[in-house]
Amino acid sequence: MSTHTATLQHVLAAACSRVGLDPAGAEPIRLGENAIFRLPARVVVRIARPGQLAAASKEVRIARWFAEHAISAVRALDGVEQPVEVDGRPVTFWEELPPHRHGTVVEIADVLRRLHDLPILTGLLEPLDPFVRLAERIDAGTTLTVDDRAWLHARLGTLREQYRTLPPGLPSTVVHGDAWGGNIVATDGGRTVLLDLERCSIGPPEWDLVSIAIRRTSFTWLLEHDYRDFCHRYGRDVATWSGYGLLRDIRELRMTLYRVQRAAESLTEHAEAEYRVACLRGLRGPRPWRWGR
């Protein structure tokens, strides 16, 4: 067992003990930005990175607010005071979803339309920060060359400046913040469910729409007719908006730095991170690029 895995197992056991759950038989679901485990009791345990207590607390509050407004989202486990913090890592507990799959573009469009129609509740959500933790990821990228690191910092600075004068678009709304089929899923019973609520905030709804549009314009992940279906169902083609290029560039940078963060885990991750940086730097030709999922 690696040191990282042993640390996660310790955090999992300690957190479960505090809330009266049995961690025996826990199975890892995903060990990415957050470590997620499934307990036999049909409870999902989410272990965030150190320093994310406020974000984890917000995610629980948002899930409960969504439930009050009939927005189908992952449900925080009732009867548990959470999050709990173990060795600086916040841990939250959730009801396990029934069998599910990635949402289709039509299902995603429907749930985003409902989400964007919610009232803006002062005090629950903060303004969108599309650059959150990006500088830290650049600094922590152990596989980056000195030149790539300098370029990424300069690129981040340029995008920050440009975002201050983002062209006018739709009125600000509640946004999911990381909308794609892995975070908007459909159960076998036909329910569409929002997952990963930590990036929910108040901001331009175009930020959510760009997450889908780039799958057609920047990569090769979405067929043209599927994207047309998405636009028709939502009622807007964000790619025609004058601010699209800027939000696209910011999203591409976020996706690149996610891979940079994972680059030390394997040669495959390292190669993908290098390729994405090269694409952003104009060294792999024009879009669409062939990024790995």
Protein backbone atom coordinates (compact mmCIF):
# COMPACT_ATOMS: atom_id res chain seq x y z
CA MET A 1 0.00 0.00 0.00
CA SER A 2 1.40 3.40 -0.99
CA THR A 3 1.88 6.18 1.54
CA HIS A 4 -0.89 8.20 -0.14
CA THR A 5 -3.34 5.28 0.04
CA ALA A 6 -2.44 4.60 3.67
CA THR A 7 -3.08 8.26 4.51
CA LEU A 8 -6.49 8.15 2.85
CA GLN A 9 -7.40 4.96 4.69
CA HIS A 10 -6.45 6.59 8.00
CA VAL A 11 -8.54 9.68 7.25
CA LEU A 12 -11.47 7.52 6.14
CA ALA A 13 -11.40 5.38 9.29
CA ALA A 14 -11.07 8.36 11.63
CA ALA A 15 -13.86 10.33 9.94
CA CYS A 16 -16.25 7.37 9.93
CA SER A 17 -15.54 6.72 13.61
CA ARG A 18 -16.50 10.28 14.49
CA VAL A 19 -19.95 9.99 12.91
CA GLY A 20 -20.69 6.41 13.89
CA LEU A 21 -20.19 4.72 10.52
CA ASP A 22 -18.28 1.49 9.89
CA PRO A 23 -15.49 1.91 7.30
CA ALA A 24 -14.98 -1.85 6.89
CA GLY A 25 -15.34 -2.92 3.29
CA ALA A 26 -14.98 0.60 1.88
CA GLU A 27 -14.29 0.63 -1.87
CA PRO A 28 -12.56 3.48 -3.72
CA ILE A 29 -14.71 5.10 -6.41
CA ARG A 30 -12.26 7.77 -7.54
CA LEU A 31 -8.93 9.00 -6.26
CA GLY A 32 -8.63 12.31 -8.09
CA GLU A 33 -9.05 15.93 -6.96
CA ASN A 34 -11.06 14.43 -4.12
CA ALA A 35 -10.84 10.87 -2.83
CA ILE A 36 -14.24 9.18 -2.91
CA PHE A 37 -15.12 5.89 -1.21
CA ARG A 38 -18.29 3.78 -1.10
CA LEU A 39 -19.31 2.16 2.18
CA PRO A 40 -21.40 -1.04 2.27
CA ALA A 41 -24.08 0.99 4.09
CA ARG A 42 -24.78 2.79 0.77
CA VAL A 43 -22.97 5.89 1.94
CA VAL A 44 -20.37 7.73 -0.15
CA VAL A 45 -17.49 9.39 1.70
CA ARG A 46 -15.71 12.31 0.05
CA ILE A 47 -12.25 13.29 1.31
CA ALA A 48 -11.17 16.71 0.07
CA ARG A 49 -7.67 18.10 -0.14
CA PRO A 50 -6.20 19.91 2.89
CA GLY A 51 -7.40 23.47 3.39
CA GLN A 52 -10.79 22.94 1.74
CA LEU A 53 -12.99 22.98 4.86
CA ALA A 54 -14.93 26.07 3.80
CA ALA A 55 -15.56 24.62 0.33
CA ALA A 56 -16.74 21.29 1.80
CA SER A 57 -19.08 23.07 4.22
CA LYS A 58 -20.49 25.12 1.34
CA GLU A 59 -21.08 21.99 -0.71
CA VAL A 60 -23.22 20.44 2.04
CA ARG A 61 -25.24 23.65 2.43
CA ILE A 62 -25.78 23.90 -1.32
CA ALA A 63 -26.95 20.30 -1.58
CA ARG A 64 -29.57 20.93 1.08
CA TRP A 65 -30.65 24.20 -0.57
CA PHE A 66 -31.02 22.43 -3.91
CA ALA A 67 -33.22 19.81 -2.24
CA GLU A 68 -35.48 22.61 -0.95
CA HIS A 69 -35.83 23.98 -4.51
CA ALA A 70 -36.49 20.62 -6.20
CA ILE A 71 -33.14 20.63 -8.01
CA SER A 72 -32.06 17.01 -8.28
CA ALA A 73 -28.59 16.82 -6.79
CA VAL A 74 -26.53 14.45 -4.70
CA ARG A 75 -27.94 14.41 -1.15
CA ALA A 76 -25.84 15.06 1.94
CA LEU A 77 -26.37 12.34 4.54
CA ASP A 78 -28.97 13.39 7.10
CA GLY A 79 -28.38 13.01 10.82
CA VAL A 80 -24.64 13.62 10.52
CA GLU A 81 -22.92 16.83 11.58
CA GLN A 82 -20.53 17.49 8.74
CA PRO A 83 -18.00 18.06 7.41
CA VAL A 84 -15.55 16.54 9.85
CA GLU A 85 -11.86 17.36 9.58
CA VAL A 86 -9.08 14.81 9.93
CA ASP A 87 -5.45 15.91 9.66
CA GLY A 88 -6.58 19.07 7.91
CA ARG A 89 -8.69 17.20 5.33
CA PRO A 90 -12.46 17.84 5.34
CA VAL A 91 -14.63 14.76 4.97
CA THR A 92 -18.29 14.74 3.91
CA PHE A 93 -20.89 11.98 3.73
CA TRP A 94 -23.48 11.47 0.99
CA GLU A 95 -26.30 9.14 0.03
CA GLU A 96 -25.12 6.69 -2.61
CA LEU A 97 -26.76 7.14 -5.99
CA PRO A 98 -28.52 4.23 -7.68
CA PRO A 99 -26.89 2.93 -10.90
CA HIS A 100 -26.28 5.83 -13.24
CA ARG A 101 -24.46 6.97 -16.39
CA HIS A 102 -23.08 10.22 -17.76
CA GLY A 103 -25.83 12.64 -18.70
CA THR A 104 -26.65 13.21 -22.36
CA VAL A 105 -26.36 16.70 -23.78
CA VAL A 106 -30.15 17.07 -23.70
CA GLU A 107 -30.32 16.00 -20.05
CA ILE A 108 -27.49 18.39 -19.21
CA ALA A 109 -29.23 21.25 -21.03
CA ASP A 110 -32.47 20.61 -19.13
CA VAL A 111 -30.88 20.60 -15.68
CA LEU A 112 -28.74 23.65 -16.44
CA ARG A 113 -31.83 25.54 -17.58
CA ARG A 114 -33.54 24.75 -14.24
CA LEU A 115 -30.40 25.58 -12.28
CA HIS A 116 -29.94 28.92 -14.02
CA ASP A 117 -33.56 29.84 -13.28
CA LEU A 118 -33.07 29.54 -9.50
CA PRO A 119 -33.33 32.69 -7.38
CA ILE A 120 -30.00 34.11 -6.29
CA LEU A 121 -29.82 33.69 -2.52
CA THR A 122 -27.52 36.25 -0.90
CA GLY A 123 -25.01 34.76 1.50
CA LEU A 124 -25.11 31.14 0.30
CA LEU A 125 -23.01 31.41 -2.83
CA GLU A 126 -19.93 33.48 -3.65
CA PRO A 127 -19.09 35.09 -6.99
CA LEU A 128 -17.57 32.73 -9.53
CA ASP A 129 -13.78 32.55 -9.45
CA PRO A 130 -12.73 30.73 -12.64
CA PHE A 131 -9.08 30.95 -11.59
CA VAL A 132 -9.34 29.32 -8.17
CA ARG A 133 -6.19 27.32 -7.29
CA LEU A 134 -4.66 27.64 -10.76
CA ALA A 135 -1.53 29.49 -9.63
CA GLU A 136 -1.02 26.87 -6.91
CA ARG A 137 -1.28 24.07 -9.47
CA ILE A 138 1.33 25.71 -11.66
CA ASP A 139 3.70 26.11 -8.70
CA ALA A 140 3.11 22.52 -7.56
CA GLY A 141 3.57 20.99 -11.02
CA THR A 142 6.70 18.91 -10.44
CA THR A 143 6.90 17.71 -14.05
CA LEU A 144 6.74 21.17 -15.64
CA THR A 145 9.82 22.63 -17.29
CA VAL A 146 11.01 26.03 -16.11
CA ASP A 147 9.93 27.51 -19.43
CA ASP A 148 6.47 25.95 -19.34
CA ARG A 149 5.93 27.10 -15.77
CA ALA A 150 6.82 30.68 -16.68
CA TRP A 151 4.57 30.58 -19.75
CA LEU A 152 1.62 29.20 -17.76
CA HIS A 153 1.97 31.91 -15.10
CA ALA A 154 2.07 34.56 -17.82
CA ARG A 155 -0.95 33.03 -19.54
CA LEU A 156 -2.86 32.97 -16.25
CA GLY A 157 -2.06 36.64 -15.69
CA THR A 158 -3.25 37.59 -19.16
CA LEU A 159 -6.54 35.73 -18.76
CA ARG A 160 -7.13 37.32 -15.36
CA GLU A 161 -6.76 40.77 -16.91
CA GLN A 162 -9.06 39.93 -19.80
CA TYR A 163 -11.73 38.47 -17.50
CA ARG A 164 -12.09 41.85 -15.80
CA THR A 165 -13.61 43.16 -19.04
CA LEU A 166 -15.66 40.09 -19.99
CA PRO A 167 -18.20 41.18 -22.66
CA PRO A 168 -21.82 41.50 -21.52
CA GLY A 169 -23.88 38.36 -21.77
CA LEU A 170 -26.78 36.75 -19.95
CA PRO A 171 -27.65 37.99 -16.44
CA SER A 172 -25.70 36.35 -13.61
CA THR A 173 -27.26 33.19 -12.20
CA VAL A 174 -26.51 30.23 -9.98
CA VAL A 175 -23.92 28.21 -11.91
CA HIS A 176 -22.66 24.69 -11.33
CA GLY A 177 -19.10 25.66 -12.17
CA ASP A 178 -17.91 22.35 -13.65
CA ALA A 179 -20.76 21.17 -15.86
CA TRP A 180 -20.11 18.05 -17.94
CA GLY A 181 -21.52 14.55 -18.24
CA GLY A 182 -19.42 13.16 -15.39
CA ASN A 183 -20.83 15.74 -12.98
CA ILE A 184 -24.39 15.68 -14.35
CA VAL A 185 -25.52 12.06 -14.43
CA ALA A 186 -28.74 10.19 -15.15
CA THR A 187 -29.97 7.31 -13.00
CA ASP A 188 -31.52 4.16 -14.40
CA GLY A 189 -34.80 5.51 -13.04
CA GLY A 190 -34.61 8.52 -15.33
CA ARG A 191 -33.52 11.16 -12.79
CA THR A 192 -30.81 13.67 -13.76
CA VAL A 193 -28.56 14.48 -10.80
CA LEU A 194 -25.96 17.17 -10.17
CA LEU A 195 -22.71 15.99 -8.57
CA ASP A 196 -19.56 17.78 -7.34
CA LEU A 197 -21.13 20.97 -6.03
CA GLU A 198 -17.98 22.62 -4.68
CA ARG A 199 -17.71 25.02 -7.62
CA CYS A 200 -21.34 26.21 -7.42
CA SER A 201 -21.38 29.99 -7.35
CA ILE A 202 -22.97 33.11 -8.81
CA GLY A 203 -21.70 34.09 -12.22
CA PRO A 204 -22.29 34.17 -15.95
CA PRO A 205 -24.37 31.15 -17.01
CA GLU A 206 -22.16 31.02 -20.09
CA TRP A 207 -19.45 29.49 -17.88
CA ASP A 208 -21.54 26.31 -17.61
CA LEU A 209 -22.44 26.34 -21.29
CA VAL A 210 -18.80 26.69 -22.35
CA SER A 211 -17.99 23.41 -20.58
CA ILE A 212 -20.18 21.65 -23.14
CA ALA A 213 -19.36 23.80 -26.17
CA ILE A 214 -15.61 23.21 -26.00
CA ARG A 215 -16.23 19.49 -26.32
CA ARG A 216 -17.17 20.34 -29.90
CA THR A 217 -15.01 23.39 -30.71
CA SER A 218 -11.77 22.60 -28.84
CA PHE A 219 -11.74 18.79 -28.88
CA THR A 220 -13.35 15.91 -30.74
CA TRP A 221 -15.61 14.63 -27.99
CA LEU A 222 -19.01 15.83 -29.22
CA LEU A 223 -20.65 15.41 -32.61
CA GLU A 224 -22.08 18.43 -34.39
CA HIS A 225 -25.68 17.22 -34.24
CA ASP A 226 -25.34 16.53 -30.49
CA TYR A 227 -24.12 20.06 -29.92
CA ARG A 228 -27.03 21.45 -31.97
CA ASP A 229 -29.40 19.43 -29.77
CA PHE A 230 -27.80 20.92 -26.66
CA CYS A 231 -28.14 24.49 -27.96
CA HIS A 232 -31.73 23.95 -29.05
CA ARG A 233 -32.72 22.44 -25.71
CA TYR A 234 -31.07 25.16 -23.64
CA GLY A 235 -32.08 27.94 -26.01
CA ARG A 236 -28.68 29.49 -26.71
CA ASP A 237 -25.47 28.74 -28.62
CA VAL A 238 -22.77 30.16 -26.37
CA ALA A 239 -20.15 29.72 -29.10
CA THR A 240 -21.70 32.67 -30.98
CA TRP A 241 -21.22 35.05 -28.02
CA SER A 242 -18.35 37.56 -28.17
CA GLY A 243 -17.01 36.41 -24.79
CA TYR A 244 -16.86 32.75 -25.77
CA GLY A 245 -13.19 32.70 -26.74
CA LEU A 246 -12.11 34.05 -23.37
CA LEU A 247 -14.13 31.61 -21.27
CA ARG A 248 -13.02 28.79 -23.59
CA ASP A 249 -9.37 29.73 -23.01
CA ILE A 250 -9.85 29.81 -19.23
CA ARG A 251 -11.58 26.43 -19.25
CA GLU A 252 -8.82 24.91 -21.39
CA LEU A 253 -6.24 26.23 -18.94
CA ARG A 254 -8.15 24.69 -16.01
CA MET A 255 -8.32 21.34 -17.79
CA THR A 256 -4.62 21.47 -18.61
CA LEU A 257 -3.59 22.25 -15.04
CA TYR A 258 -5.76 19.43 -13.72
CA ARG A 259 -3.58 17.07 -15.77
CA VAL A 260 -0.44 18.88 -14.62
CA GLN A 261 -1.55 18.23 -11.05
CA ARG A 262 -1.79 14.50 -11.81
CA ALA A 263 1.27 14.27 -14.06
CA ALA A 264 3.51 12.68 -11.43
CA GLU A 265 1.10 9.75 -10.97
CA SER A 266 2.03 7.89 -14.17
CA LEU A 267 3.84 8.21 -17.48
CA THR A 268 0.45 8.40 -19.23
CA GLU A 269 -0.66 11.35 -17.12
CA HIS A 270 2.72 13.02 -17.60
CA ALA A 271 2.52 12.66 -21.38
CA GLU A 272 -1.04 14.01 -21.49
CA ALA A 273 -0.07 17.01 -19.36
CA GLU A 274 2.89 17.79 -21.64
CA TYR A 275 0.68 17.51 -24.72
CA ARG A 276 -1.97 19.83 -23.30
CA VAL A 277 0.58 22.48 -22.39
CA ALA A 278 2.05 22.22 -25.89
CA CYS A 279 -1.43 22.69 -27.39
CA LEU A 280 -2.02 25.85 -25.38
CA ARG A 281 1.35 27.16 -26.47
CA GLY A 282 0.45 26.70 -30.14
CA LEU A 283 2.90 23.84 -30.71
CA ARG A 284 0.34 21.19 -31.73
CA GLY A 285 -1.61 23.00 -34.40
CA PRO A 286 -5.06 24.59 -34.26
CA ARG A 287 -8.15 23.28 -32.51
CA PRO A 288 -9.72 20.78 -32.33
CA TRP A 289 -7.02 18.96 -30.34
CA ARG A 290 -7.13 15.28 -29.51
CA TRP A 291 -6.91 15.44 -25.75
CA GLY A 292 -7.39 12.28 -23.73
CA ARG A 293 -10.44 12.19 -21.51
